[in-house]
């Protein structure tokens, strides 16, 4: 088995009111999120698991749902912690035509904080 990965970014705002009014994350703020999609499988006749262009095409509609949005307004992301975002991305990508190869998703909220989902 071979694992491949591709990184993407999106920009979005969110707030975490469940943290309490005195917590800095309860206020509206934004991030440039990093997303890493990892896929695993056997090589096909082209020598790929999945062509990176196919991977990017599968990501495009998910990106459109997230980029320059207020995450809390997206169904399923009313609680928009990084942990919730990473699971949401995984579940969306798993439904794509190449989702059967997906093994994990990592979402970076900043250069020092991230969450990974690998069911």
PDB file of N, CA and C in Angstrom:
ATOM      1  N   UNK A   1       0.850  -1.188   0.000  1.00  0.00           N
ATOM      2  CA  UNK A   1       0.000   0.000   0.000  1.00  0.00           C
ATOM      3  C   UNK A   1       0.885   1.238   0.000  1.00  0.00           C
ATOM      4  N   UNK A   2       0.427   2.223  -0.704  1.00  0.00           N
ATOM      5  CA  UNK A   2       1.149   3.491  -0.791  1.00  0.00           C
ATOM      6  C   UNK A   2       0.225   4.588  -0.279  1.00  0.00           C
ATOM      7  N   UNK A   3       0.803   5.534   0.444  1.00  0.00           N
ATOM      8  CA  UNK A   3       0.054   6.685   0.940  1.00  0.00           C
ATOM      9  C   UNK A   3       0.512   7.919   0.195  1.00  0.00           C
ATOM     10  N   UNK A   4      -0.456   8.715  -0.262  1.00  0.00           N
ATOM     11  CA  UNK A   4      -0.159  10.008  -0.856  1.00  0.00           C
ATOM     12  C   UNK A   4      -0.889  11.074  -0.046  1.00  0.00           C
ATOM     13  N   UNK A   5      -0.470  12.315  -0.200  1.00  0.00           N
ATOM     14  CA  UNK A   5      -1.126  13.417   0.499  1.00  0.00           C
ATOM     15  C   UNK A   5      -1.049  14.666  -0.345  1.00  0.00           C
ATOM     16  N   UNK A   6      -2.016  15.527  -0.150  1.00  0.00           N
ATOM     17  CA  UNK A   6      -2.011  16.835  -0.802  1.00  0.00           C
ATOM     18  C   UNK A   6      -2.538  17.847   0.198  1.00  0.00           C
ATOM     19  N   UNK A   7      -1.907  19.024   0.194  1.00  0.00           N
ATOM     20  CA  UNK A   7      -2.292  20.098   1.111  1.00  0.00           C
ATOM     21  C   UNK A   7      -3.049  21.189   0.370  1.00  0.00           C
ATOM     22  N   UNK A   8      -4.021  21.749   1.069  1.00  0.00           N
ATOM     23  CA  UNK A   8      -4.824  22.849   0.559  1.00  0.00           C
ATOM     24  C   UNK A   8      -4.971  23.872   1.687  1.00  0.00           C
ATOM     25  N   UNK A   9      -5.453  25.046   1.360  1.00  0.00           N
ATOM     26  CA  UNK A   9      -5.776  26.046   2.381  1.00  0.00           C
ATOM     27  C   UNK A   9      -7.144  26.644   2.077  1.00  0.00           C
ATOM     28  N   UNK A  10      -7.748  27.196   3.110  1.00  0.00           N
ATOM     29  CA  UNK A  10      -8.941  28.021   2.946  1.00  0.00           C
ATOM     30  C   UNK A  10      -8.941  29.046   4.073  1.00  0.00           C
ATOM     31  N   UNK A  11      -9.595  30.158   3.830  1.00  0.00           N
ATOM     32  CA  UNK A  11      -9.711  31.227   4.819  1.00  0.00           C
ATOM     33  C   UNK A  11     -11.149  31.297   5.294  1.00  0.00           C
ATOM     34  N   UNK A  12     -11.318  31.374   6.600  1.00  0.00           N
ATOM     35  CA  UNK A  12     -12.675  31.424   7.155  1.00  0.00           C
ATOM     36  C   UNK A  12     -12.654  32.055   8.535  1.00  0.00           C
ATOM     37  N   UNK A  13     -13.817  32.545   8.935  1.00  0.00           N
ATOM     38  CA  UNK A  13     -14.003  33.098  10.276  1.00  0.00           C
ATOM     39  C   UNK A  13     -14.858  32.134  11.086  1.00  0.00           C
ATOM     40  N   UNK A  14     -14.734  32.229  12.392  1.00  0.00           N
ATOM     41  CA  UNK A  14     -15.578  31.451  13.287  1.00  0.00           C
ATOM     42  C   UNK A  14     -15.512  32.043  14.678  1.00  0.00           C
ATOM     43  N   UNK A  15     -16.332  31.522  15.537  1.00  0.00           N
ATOM     44  CA  UNK A  15     -16.279  31.869  16.958  1.00  0.00           C
ATOM     45  C   UNK A  15     -16.655  30.620  17.738  1.00  0.00           C
ATOM     46  N   UNK A  16     -16.201  30.582  18.974  1.00  0.00           N
ATOM     47  CA  UNK A  16     -16.485  29.441  19.843  1.00  0.00           C
ATOM     48  C   UNK A  16     -17.163  29.943  21.115  1.00  0.00           C
ATOM     49  N   UNK A  17     -18.437  30.354  21.000  1.00  0.00           N
ATOM     50  CA  UNK A  17     -19.132  30.913  22.174  1.00  0.00           C
ATOM     51  C   UNK A  17     -19.248  29.938  23.329  1.00  0.00           C
ATOM     52  N   UNK A  18     -19.162  28.642  23.047  1.00  0.00           N
ATOM     53  CA  UNK A  18     -19.249  27.645  24.109  1.00  0.00           C
ATOM     54  C   UNK A  18     -18.060  27.719  25.069  1.00  0.00           C
ATOM     55  N   UNK A  19     -17.013  28.451  24.688  1.00  0.00           N
ATOM     56  CA  UNK A  19     -15.841  28.598  25.564  1.00  0.00           C
ATOM     57  C   UNK A  19     -16.074  29.608  26.684  1.00  0.00           C
ATOM     58  N   UNK A  20     -17.147  30.387  26.588  1.00  0.00           N
ATOM     59  CA  UNK A  20     -17.441  31.395  27.611  1.00  0.00           C
ATOM     60  C   UNK A  20     -17.008  32.770  27.157  1.00  0.00           C
ATOM     61  N   UNK A  21     -17.701  33.773  27.637  1.00  0.00           N
ATOM     62  CA  UNK A  21     -17.501  35.135  27.147  1.00  0.00           C
ATOM     63  C   UNK A  21     -16.108  35.700  27.423  1.00  0.00           C
ATOM     64  N   UNK A  22     -15.380  35.162  28.384  1.00  0.00           N
ATOM     65  CA  UNK A  22     -14.054  35.691  28.700  1.00  0.00           C
ATOM     66  C   UNK A  22     -12.934  34.985  27.938  1.00  0.00           C
ATOM     67  N   UNK A  23     -13.261  33.956  27.190  1.00  0.00           N
ATOM     68  CA  UNK A  23     -12.258  33.229  26.409  1.00  0.00           C
ATOM     69  C   UNK A  23     -12.075  33.938  25.074  1.00  0.00           C
ATOM     70  N   UNK A  24     -10.833  34.154  24.665  1.00  0.00           N
ATOM     71  CA  UNK A  24     -10.565  34.890  23.426  1.00  0.00           C
ATOM     72  C   UNK A  24     -11.219  34.252  22.202  1.00  0.00           C
ATOM     73  N   UNK A  25     -11.359  32.934  22.190  1.00  0.00           N
ATOM     74  CA  UNK A  25     -11.930  32.259  21.023  1.00  0.00           C
ATOM     75  C   UNK A  25     -13.449  32.393  20.936  1.00  0.00           C
ATOM     76  N   UNK A  26     -14.065  32.928  21.968  1.00  0.00           N
ATOM     77  CA  UNK A  26     -15.508  33.140  21.901  1.00  0.00           C
ATOM     78  C   UNK A  26     -15.850  34.321  20.993  1.00  0.00           C
ATOM     79  N   UNK A  27     -14.854  35.172  20.743  1.00  0.00           N
ATOM     80  CA  UNK A  27     -15.059  36.322  19.859  1.00  0.00           C
ATOM     81  C   UNK A  27     -14.832  35.920  18.403  1.00  0.00           C
ATOM     82  N   UNK A  28     -15.458  36.646  17.507  1.00  0.00           N
ATOM     83  CA  UNK A  28     -15.283  36.421  16.079  1.00  0.00           C
ATOM     84  C   UNK A  28     -13.815  36.598  15.710  1.00  0.00           C
ATOM     85  N   UNK A  29     -13.259  35.622  15.002  1.00  0.00           N
ATOM     86  CA  UNK A  29     -11.880  35.700  14.521  1.00  0.00           C
ATOM     87  C   UNK A  29     -11.740  34.760  13.332  1.00  0.00           C
ATOM     88  N   UNK A  30     -10.613  34.845  12.648  1.00  0.00           N
ATOM     89  CA  UNK A  30     -10.435  34.025  11.458  1.00  0.00           C
ATOM     90  C   UNK A  30      -9.087  33.347  11.406  1.00  0.00           C
ATOM     91  N   UNK A  31      -8.989  32.400  10.487  1.00  0.00           N
ATOM     92  CA  UNK A  31      -7.764  31.638  10.284  1.00  0.00           C
ATOM     93  C   UNK A  31      -7.571  31.380   8.798  1.00  0.00           C
ATOM     94  N   UNK A  32      -6.332  31.176   8.422  1.00  0.00           N
ATOM     95  CA  UNK A  32      -6.029  30.526   7.160  1.00  0.00           C
ATOM     96  C   UNK A  32      -5.769  29.076   7.540  1.00  0.00           C
ATOM     97  N   UNK A  33      -6.754  28.245   7.292  1.00  0.00           N
ATOM     98  CA  UNK A  33      -6.674  26.839   7.662  1.00  0.00           C
ATOM     99  C   UNK A  33      -5.855  26.085   6.623  1.00  0.00           C
ATOM    100  N   UNK A  34      -5.059  25.142   7.083  1.00  0.00           N
ATOM    101  CA  UNK A  34      -4.385  24.206   6.199  1.00  0.00           C
ATOM    102  C   UNK A  34      -5.107  22.876   6.279  1.00  0.00           C
ATOM    103  N   UNK A  35      -5.265  22.219   5.149  1.00  0.00           N
ATOM    104  CA  UNK A  35      -5.933  20.915   5.110  1.00  0.00           C
ATOM    105  C   UNK A  35      -5.017  19.941   4.384  1.00  0.00           C
ATOM    106  N   UNK A  36      -4.743  18.814   5.016  1.00  0.00           N
ATOM    107  CA  UNK A  36      -3.970  17.758   4.373  1.00  0.00           C
ATOM    108  C   UNK A  36      -4.852  16.530   4.253  1.00  0.00           C
ATOM    109  N   UNK A  37      -5.028  16.075   3.022  1.00  0.00           N
ATOM    110  CA  UNK A  37      -5.805  14.871   2.740  1.00  0.00           C
ATOM    111  C   UNK A  37      -4.836  13.743   2.447  1.00  0.00           C
ATOM    112  N   UNK A  38      -4.957  12.630   3.173  1.00  0.00           N
ATOM    113  CA  UNK A  38      -4.089  11.457   2.958  1.00  0.00           C
ATOM    114  C   UNK A  38      -4.914  10.318   2.404  1.00  0.00           C
ATOM    115  N   UNK A  39      -4.423   9.759   1.316  1.00  0.00           N
ATOM    116  CA  UNK A  39      -5.092   8.647   0.655  1.00  0.00           C
ATOM    117  C   UNK A  39      -4.133   7.472   0.579  1.00  0.00           C
ATOM    118  N   UNK A  40      -4.697   6.263   0.637  1.00  0.00           N
ATOM    119  CA  UNK A  40      -3.871   5.054   0.603  1.00  0.00           C
ATOM    120  C   UNK A  40      -4.500   4.036  -0.327  1.00  0.00           C
ATOM    121  N   UNK A  41      -3.653   3.364  -1.088  1.00  0.00           N
ATOM    122  CA  UNK A  41      -4.157   2.328  -1.969  1.00  0.00           C
ATOM    123  C   UNK A  41      -3.047   1.707  -2.782  1.00  0.00           C
ATOM    124  N   UNK A  42      -3.457   0.872  -3.713  1.00  0.00           N
ATOM    125  CA  UNK A  42      -2.532   0.226  -4.634  1.00  0.00           C
ATOM    126  C   UNK A  42      -2.445   1.057  -5.914  1.00  0.00           C
ATOM    127  N   UNK A  43      -1.361   0.899  -6.635  1.00  0.00           N
ATOM    128  CA  UNK A  43      -1.187   1.618  -7.888  1.00  0.00           C
ATOM    129  C   UNK A  43      -2.147   1.109  -8.952  1.00  0.00           C
ATOM    130  N   UNK A  44      -2.686   2.038  -9.726  1.00  0.00           N
ATOM    131  CA  UNK A  44      -3.507   1.642 -10.863  1.00  0.00           C
ATOM    132  C   UNK A  44      -2.612   1.502 -12.097  1.00  0.00           C
ATOM    133  N   UNK A  45      -3.208   1.246 -13.253  1.00  0.00           N
ATOM    134  CA  UNK A  45      -2.418   1.025 -14.460  1.00  0.00           C
ATOM    135  C   UNK A  45      -1.638   2.267 -14.905  1.00  0.00           C
ATOM    136  N   UNK A  46      -2.045   3.439 -14.410  1.00  0.00           N
ATOM    137  CA  UNK A  46      -1.313   4.669 -14.721  1.00  0.00           C
ATOM    138  C   UNK A  46      -0.106   4.865 -13.808  1.00  0.00           C
ATOM    139  N   UNK A  47      -0.050   4.060 -12.729  1.00  0.00           N
ATOM    140  CA  UNK A  47       1.016   4.227 -11.755  1.00  0.00           C
ATOM    141  C   UNK A  47       0.638   5.148 -10.614  1.00  0.00           C
ATOM    142  N   UNK A  48      -0.659   5.414 -10.454  1.00  0.00           N
ATOM    143  CA  UNK A  48      -1.172   6.295  -9.403  1.00  0.00           C
ATOM    144  C   UNK A  48      -2.085   5.522  -8.463  1.00  0.00           C
ATOM    145  N   UNK A  49      -2.234   6.046  -7.261  1.00  0.00           N
ATOM    146  CA  UNK A  49      -3.373   5.663  -6.425  1.00  0.00           C
ATOM    147  C   UNK A  49      -4.558   6.489  -6.921  1.00  0.00           C
ATOM    148  N   UNK A  50      -4.330   7.782  -6.929  1.00  0.00           N
ATOM    149  CA  UNK A  50      -5.267   8.766  -7.457  1.00  0.00           C
ATOM    150  C   UNK A  50      -4.405   9.865  -8.074  1.00  0.00           C
ATOM    151  N   UNK A  51      -4.780  10.335  -9.227  1.00  0.00           N
ATOM    152  CA  UNK A  51      -4.091  11.467  -9.843  1.00  0.00           C
ATOM    153  C   UNK A  51      -4.315  12.700  -8.959  1.00  0.00           C
ATOM    154  N   UNK A  52      -3.271  13.471  -8.717  1.00  0.00           N
ATOM    155  CA  UNK A  52      -3.412  14.660  -7.864  1.00  0.00           C
ATOM    156  C   UNK A  52      -4.429  15.649  -8.421  1.00  0.00           C
ATOM    157  N   UNK A  53      -4.601  15.676  -9.740  1.00  0.00           N
ATOM    158  CA  UNK A  53      -5.639  16.542 -10.321  1.00  0.00           C
ATOM    159  C   UNK A  53      -7.030  16.065  -9.923  1.00  0.00           C
ATOM    160  N   UNK A  54      -7.236  14.752  -9.856  1.00  0.00           N
ATOM    161  CA  UNK A  54      -8.515  14.202  -9.402  1.00  0.00           C
ATOM    162  C   UNK A  54      -8.758  14.557  -7.938  1.00  0.00           C
ATOM    163  N   UNK A  55      -7.692  14.498  -7.160  1.00  0.00           N
ATOM    164  CA  UNK A  55      -7.788  14.843  -5.743  1.00  0.00           C
ATOM    165  C   UNK A  55      -8.204  16.303  -5.591  1.00  0.00           C
ATOM    166  N   UNK A  56      -7.565  17.183  -6.357  1.00  0.00           N
ATOM    167  CA  UNK A  56      -7.897  18.612  -6.293  1.00  0.00           C
ATOM    168  C   UNK A  56      -9.336  18.863  -6.744  1.00  0.00           C
ATOM    169  N   UNK A  57      -9.783  18.148  -7.771  1.00  0.00           N
ATOM    170  CA  UNK A  57     -11.158  18.311  -8.254  1.00  0.00           C
ATOM    171  C   UNK A  57     -12.167  17.854  -7.204  1.00  0.00           C
ATOM    172  N   UNK A  58     -11.853  16.783  -6.489  1.00  0.00           N
ATOM    173  CA  UNK A  58     -12.747  16.302  -5.435  1.00  0.00           C
ATOM    174  C   UNK A  58     -12.798  17.277  -4.260  1.00  0.00           C
ATOM    175  N   UNK A  59     -11.690  17.960  -3.999  1.00  0.00           N
ATOM    176  CA  UNK A  59     -11.616  18.934  -2.909  1.00  0.00           C
ATOM    177  C   UNK A  59     -12.379  20.221  -3.254  1.00  0.00           C
ATOM    178  N   UNK A  60     -12.427  20.598  -4.525  1.00  0.00           N
ATOM    179  CA  UNK A  60     -12.956  21.906  -4.942  1.00  0.00           C
ATOM    180  C   UNK A  60     -14.344  22.234  -4.385  1.00  0.00           C
ATOM    181  N   UNK A  61     -15.331  21.346  -4.431  1.00  0.00           N
ATOM    182  CA  UNK A  61     -16.640  21.714  -3.880  1.00  0.00           C
ATOM    183  C   UNK A  61     -16.629  21.899  -2.362  1.00  0.00           C
ATOM    184  N   UNK A  62     -15.785  21.158  -1.679  1.00  0.00           N
ATOM    185  CA  UNK A  62     -15.667  21.305  -0.224  1.00  0.00           C
ATOM    186  C   UNK A  62     -15.035  22.653   0.089  1.00  0.00           C
ATOM    187  N   UNK A  63     -14.001  22.984  -0.651  1.00  0.00           N
ATOM    188  CA  UNK A  63     -13.354  24.288  -0.522  1.00  0.00           C
ATOM    189  C   UNK A  63     -14.375  25.413  -0.711  1.00  0.00           C
ATOM    190  N   UNK A  64     -15.211  25.291  -1.729  1.00  0.00           N
ATOM    191  CA  UNK A  64     -16.210  26.326  -2.004  1.00  0.00           C
ATOM    192  C   UNK A  64     -17.189  26.497  -0.848  1.00  0.00           C
ATOM    193  N   UNK A  65     -17.473  25.410  -0.127  1.00  0.00           N
ATOM    194  CA  UNK A  65     -18.371  25.492   1.034  1.00  0.00           C
ATOM    195  C   UNK A  65     -17.726  26.215   2.209  1.00  0.00           C
ATOM    196  N   UNK A  66     -16.378  26.161   2.303  1.00  0.00           N
ATOM    197  CA  UNK A  66     -15.678  26.670   3.478  1.00  0.00           C
ATOM    198  C   UNK A  66     -15.007  28.033   3.282  1.00  0.00           C
ATOM    199  N   UNK A  67     -14.458  28.276   2.113  1.00  0.00           N
ATOM    200  CA  UNK A  67     -13.595  29.441   1.924  1.00  0.00           C
ATOM    201  C   UNK A  67     -14.360  30.758   2.029  1.00  0.00           C
ATOM    202  N   UNK A  68     -13.808  31.659   2.830  1.00  0.00           N
ATOM    203  CA  UNK A  68     -14.372  32.983   3.075  1.00  0.00           C
ATOM    204  C   UNK A  68     -15.820  32.912   3.575  1.00  0.00           C
ATOM    205  N   UNK A  69     -16.039  31.975   4.493  1.00  0.00           N
ATOM    206  CA  UNK A  69     -17.351  31.791   5.118  1.00  0.00           C
ATOM    207  C   UNK A  69     -17.218  31.957   6.629  1.00  0.00           C
ATOM    208  N   UNK A  70     -18.366  32.147   7.261  1.00  0.00           N
ATOM    209  CA  UNK A  70     -18.451  32.092   8.712  1.00  0.00           C
ATOM    210  C   UNK A  70     -18.825  30.649   9.035  1.00  0.00           C
ATOM    211  N   UNK A  71     -17.870  29.883   9.544  1.00  0.00           N
ATOM    212  CA  UNK A  71     -18.048  28.443   9.703  1.00  0.00           C
ATOM    213  C   UNK A  71     -19.265  28.079  10.545  1.00  0.00           C
ATOM    214  N   UNK A  72     -19.556  28.876  11.557  1.00  0.00           N
ATOM    215  CA  UNK A  72     -20.689  28.580  12.447  1.00  0.00           C
ATOM    216  C   UNK A  72     -22.026  28.551  11.708  1.00  0.00           C
ATOM    217  N   UNK A  73     -22.098  29.169  10.529  1.00  0.00           N
ATOM    218  CA  UNK A  73     -23.330  29.176   9.742  1.00  0.00           C
ATOM    219  C   UNK A  73     -23.482  27.940   8.865  1.00  0.00           C
ATOM    220  N   UNK A  74     -22.460  27.111   8.763  1.00  0.00           N
ATOM    221  CA  UNK A  74     -22.497  25.926   7.913  1.00  0.00           C
ATOM    222  C   UNK A  74     -23.119  24.772   8.699  1.00  0.00           C
ATOM    223  N   UNK A  75     -24.149  24.131   8.140  1.00  0.00           N
ATOM    224  CA  UNK A  75     -24.754  22.991   8.849  1.00  0.00           C
ATOM    225  C   UNK A  75     -23.702  21.935   9.205  1.00  0.00           C
ATOM    226  N   UNK A  76     -23.711  21.571  10.481  1.00  0.00           N
ATOM    227  CA  UNK A  76     -22.730  20.618  10.989  1.00  0.00           C
ATOM    228  C   UNK A  76     -21.524  21.275  11.620  1.00  0.00           C
ATOM    229  N   UNK A  77     -21.363  22.578  11.417  1.00  0.00           N
ATOM    230  CA  UNK A  77     -20.220  23.290  12.002  1.00  0.00           C
ATOM    231  C   UNK A  77     -20.665  24.415  12.940  1.00  0.00           C
ATOM    232  N   UNK A  78     -21.840  24.281  13.502  1.00  0.00           N
ATOM    233  CA  UNK A  78     -22.304  25.293  14.453  1.00  0.00           C
ATOM    234  C   UNK A  78     -21.317  25.427  15.613  1.00  0.00           C
ATOM    235  N   UNK A  79     -20.713  24.328  16.016  1.00  0.00           N
ATOM    236  CA  UNK A  79     -19.572  24.323  16.936  1.00  0.00           C
ATOM    237  C   UNK A  79     -18.354  24.097  16.055  1.00  0.00           C
ATOM    238  N   UNK A  80     -17.651  25.153  15.734  1.00  0.00           N
ATOM    239  CA  UNK A  80     -16.626  25.112  14.680  1.00  0.00           C
ATOM    240  C   UNK A  80     -15.205  24.972  15.221  1.00  0.00           C
ATOM    241  N   UNK A  81     -15.038  24.148  16.236  1.00  0.00           N
ATOM    242  CA  UNK A  81     -13.686  23.862  16.720  1.00  0.00           C
ATOM    243  C   UNK A  81     -12.901  23.165  15.608  1.00  0.00           C
ATOM    244  N   UNK A  82     -11.608  23.176  15.696  1.00  0.00           N
ATOM    245  CA  UNK A  82     -10.788  22.491  14.698  1.00  0.00           C
ATOM    246  C   UNK A  82     -11.129  21.007  14.665  1.00  0.00           C
ATOM    247  N   UNK A  83     -11.414  20.441  15.819  1.00  0.00           N
ATOM    248  CA  UNK A  83     -11.793  19.031  15.891  1.00  0.00           C
ATOM    249  C   UNK A  83     -13.079  18.760  15.105  1.00  0.00           C
ATOM    250  N   UNK A  84     -14.035  19.677  15.187  1.00  0.00           N
ATOM    251  CA  UNK A  84     -15.280  19.523  14.437  1.00  0.00           C
ATOM    252  C   UNK A  84     -15.043  19.734  12.942  1.00  0.00           C
ATOM    253  N   UNK A  85     -14.209  20.694  12.600  1.00  0.00           N
ATOM    254  CA  UNK A  85     -13.920  20.971  11.184  1.00  0.00           C
ATOM    255  C   UNK A  85     -13.240  19.774  10.530  1.00  0.00           C
ATOM    256  N   UNK A  86     -12.268  19.170  11.210  1.00  0.00           N
ATOM    257  CA  UNK A  86     -11.536  18.059  10.595  1.00  0.00           C
ATOM    258  C   UNK A  86     -12.460  16.866  10.348  1.00  0.00           C
ATOM    259  N   UNK A  87     -13.354  16.587  11.266  1.00  0.00           N
ATOM    260  CA  UNK A  87     -14.293  15.477  11.051  1.00  0.00           C
ATOM    261  C   UNK A  87     -15.261  15.811   9.919  1.00  0.00           C
ATOM    262  N   UNK A  88     -15.749  17.055   9.883  1.00  0.00           N
ATOM    263  CA  UNK A  88     -16.664  17.505   8.836  1.00  0.00           C
ATOM    264  C   UNK A  88     -16.006  17.356   7.461  1.00  0.00           C
ATOM    265  N   UNK A  89     -14.743  17.785   7.328  1.00  0.00           N
ATOM    266  CA  UNK A  89     -14.033  17.660   6.052  1.00  0.00           C
ATOM    267  C   UNK A  89     -13.887  16.189   5.676  1.00  0.00           C
ATOM    268  N   UNK A  90     -13.496  15.362   6.631  1.00  0.00           N
ATOM    269  CA  UNK A  90     -13.344  13.934   6.349  1.00  0.00           C
ATOM    270  C   UNK A  90     -14.658  13.350   5.823  1.00  0.00           C
ATOM    271  N   UNK A  91     -15.736  13.616   6.522  1.00  0.00           N
ATOM    272  CA  UNK A  91     -17.023  13.045   6.135  1.00  0.00           C
ATOM    273  C   UNK A  91     -17.456  13.522   4.756  1.00  0.00           C
ATOM    274  N   UNK A  92     -17.207  14.780   4.428  1.00  0.00           N
ATOM    275  CA  UNK A  92     -17.548  15.312   3.100  1.00  0.00           C
ATOM    276  C   UNK A  92     -16.694  14.646   2.025  1.00  0.00           C
ATOM    277  N   UNK A  93     -15.374  14.585   2.266  1.00  0.00           N
ATOM    278  CA  UNK A  93     -14.484  14.040   1.236  1.00  0.00           C
ATOM    279  C   UNK A  93     -14.729  12.542   1.043  1.00  0.00           C
ATOM    280  N   UNK A  94     -15.061  11.845   2.104  1.00  0.00           N
ATOM    281  CA  UNK A  94     -15.306  10.405   2.013  1.00  0.00           C
ATOM    282  C   UNK A  94     -16.462  10.084   1.068  1.00  0.00           C
ATOM    283  N   UNK A  95     -17.351  11.031   0.832  1.00  0.00           N
ATOM    284  CA  UNK A  95     -18.495  10.833  -0.059  1.00  0.00           C
ATOM    285  C   UNK A  95     -18.161  11.110  -1.529  1.00  0.00           C
ATOM    286  N   UNK A  96     -16.946  11.574  -1.826  1.00  0.00           N
ATOM    287  CA  UNK A  96     -16.569  11.872  -3.202  1.00  0.00           C
ATOM    288  C   UNK A  96     -16.235  10.584  -3.954  1.00  0.00           C
ATOM    289  N   UNK A  97     -16.011  10.723  -5.243  1.00  0.00           N
ATOM    290  CA  UNK A  97     -15.712   9.554  -6.079  1.00  0.00           C
ATOM    291  C   UNK A  97     -14.410   8.858  -5.690  1.00  0.00           C
ATOM    292  N   UNK A  98     -13.519   9.559  -5.019  1.00  0.00           N
ATOM    293  CA  UNK A  98     -12.250   8.948  -4.597  1.00  0.00           C
ATOM    294  C   UNK A  98     -12.157   8.818  -3.080  1.00  0.00           C
ATOM    295  N   UNK A  99     -13.264   9.047  -2.409  1.00  0.00           N
ATOM    296  CA  UNK A  99     -13.286   8.985  -0.955  1.00  0.00           C
ATOM    297  C   UNK A  99     -12.920   7.636  -0.378  1.00  0.00           C
ATOM    298  N   UNK A 100     -13.068   6.577  -1.156  1.00  0.00           N
ATOM    299  CA  UNK A 100     -12.744   5.237  -0.651  1.00  0.00           C
ATOM    300  C   UNK A 100     -11.260   5.087  -0.337  1.00  0.00           C
ATOM    301  N   UNK A 101     -10.426   5.970  -0.877  1.00  0.00           N
ATOM    302  CA  UNK A 101      -8.988   5.918  -0.619  1.00  0.00           C
ATOM    303  C   UNK A 101      -8.575   6.763   0.594  1.00  0.00           C
ATOM    304  N   UNK A 102      -9.484   7.576   1.112  1.00  0.00           N
ATOM    305  CA  UNK A 102      -9.152   8.507   2.197  1.00  0.00           C
ATOM    306  C   UNK A 102      -8.883   7.754   3.495  1.00  0.00           C
ATOM    307  N   UNK A 103      -7.730   8.047   4.121  1.00  0.00           N
ATOM    308  CA  UNK A 103      -7.415   7.413   5.406  1.00  0.00           C
ATOM    309  C   UNK A 103      -7.374   8.416   6.555  1.00  0.00           C
ATOM    310  N   UNK A 104      -7.039   9.665   6.256  1.00  0.00           N
ATOM    311  CA  UNK A 104      -7.038  10.673   7.314  1.00  0.00           C
ATOM    312  C   UNK A 104      -7.068  12.068   6.725  1.00  0.00           C
ATOM    313  N   UNK A 105      -7.502  12.986   7.569  1.00  0.00           N
ATOM    314  CA  UNK A 105      -7.498  14.410   7.239  1.00  0.00           C
ATOM    315  C   UNK A 105      -6.869  15.134   8.415  1.00  0.00           C
ATOM    316  N   UNK A 106      -6.022  16.089   8.101  1.00  0.00           N
ATOM    317  CA  UNK A 106      -5.435  16.957   9.119  1.00  0.00           C
ATOM    318  C   UNK A 106      -5.829  18.391   8.783  1.00  0.00           C
ATOM    319  N   UNK A 107      -6.267  19.134   9.793  1.00  0.00           N
ATOM    320  CA  UNK A 107      -6.597  20.541   9.621  1.00  0.00           C
ATOM    321  C   UNK A 107      -5.726  21.341  10.573  1.00  0.00           C
ATOM    322  N   UNK A 108      -4.943  22.252  10.007  1.00  0.00           N
ATOM    323  CA  UNK A 108      -4.121  23.169  10.786  1.00  0.00           C
ATOM    324  C   UNK A 108      -4.897  24.464  10.976  1.00  0.00           C
ATOM    325  N   UNK A 109      -5.058  24.860  12.220  1.00  0.00           N
ATOM    326  CA  UNK A 109      -5.705  26.130  12.536  1.00  0.00           C
ATOM    327  C   UNK A 109      -4.675  27.262  12.520  1.00  0.00           C
ATOM    328  N   UNK A 110      -3.451  26.915  12.867  1.00  0.00           N
ATOM    329  CA  UNK A 110      -2.337  27.862  12.866  1.00  0.00           C
ATOM    330  C   UNK A 110      -1.069  27.058  12.625  1.00  0.00           C
ATOM    331  N   UNK A 111       0.063  27.721  12.691  1.00  0.00           N
ATOM    332  CA  UNK A 111       1.327  27.011  12.485  1.00  0.00           C
ATOM    333  C   UNK A 111       1.677  26.096  13.653  1.00  0.00           C
ATOM    334  N   UNK A 112       0.964  26.239  14.771  1.00  0.00           N
ATOM    335  CA  UNK A 112       1.300  25.437  15.949  1.00  0.00           C
ATOM    336  C   UNK A 112       0.154  24.568  16.474  1.00  0.00           C
ATOM    337  N   UNK A 113      -1.035  24.686  15.876  1.00  0.00           N
ATOM    338  CA  UNK A 113      -2.164  23.897  16.371  1.00  0.00           C
ATOM    339  C   UNK A 113      -2.875  23.213  15.213  1.00  0.00           C
ATOM    340  N   UNK A 114      -3.251  21.951  15.459  1.00  0.00           N
ATOM    341  CA  UNK A 114      -3.921  21.176  14.412  1.00  0.00           C
ATOM    342  C   UNK A 114      -4.696  20.035  15.037  1.00  0.00           C
ATOM    343  N   UNK A 115      -5.587  19.465  14.209  1.00  0.00           N
ATOM    344  CA  UNK A 115      -6.338  18.271  14.590  1.00  0.00           C
ATOM    345  C   UNK A 115      -6.305  17.318  13.411  1.00  0.00           C
ATOM    346  N   UNK A 116      -6.312  16.014  13.720  1.00  0.00           N
ATOM    347  CA  UNK A 116      -6.314  14.999  12.684  1.00  0.00           C
ATOM    348  C   UNK A 116      -7.434  14.016  12.966  1.00  0.00           C
ATOM    349  N   UNK A 117      -8.110  13.585  11.906  1.00  0.00           N
ATOM    350  CA  UNK A 117      -9.180  12.598  12.038  1.00  0.00           C
ATOM    351  C   UNK A 117      -8.844  11.415  11.152  1.00  0.00           C
ATOM    352  N   UNK A 118      -8.785  10.250  11.752  1.00  0.00           N
ATOM    353  CA  UNK A 118      -8.485   9.003  11.047  1.00  0.00           C
ATOM    354  C   UNK A 118      -9.294   7.892  11.685  1.00  0.00           C
ATOM    355  N   UNK A 119     -10.548   7.740  11.254  1.00  0.00           N
ATOM    356  CA  UNK A 119     -11.416   6.732  11.895  1.00  0.00           C
ATOM    357  C   UNK A 119     -10.908   5.312  11.682  1.00  0.00           C
TER     358      UNK A 119
END
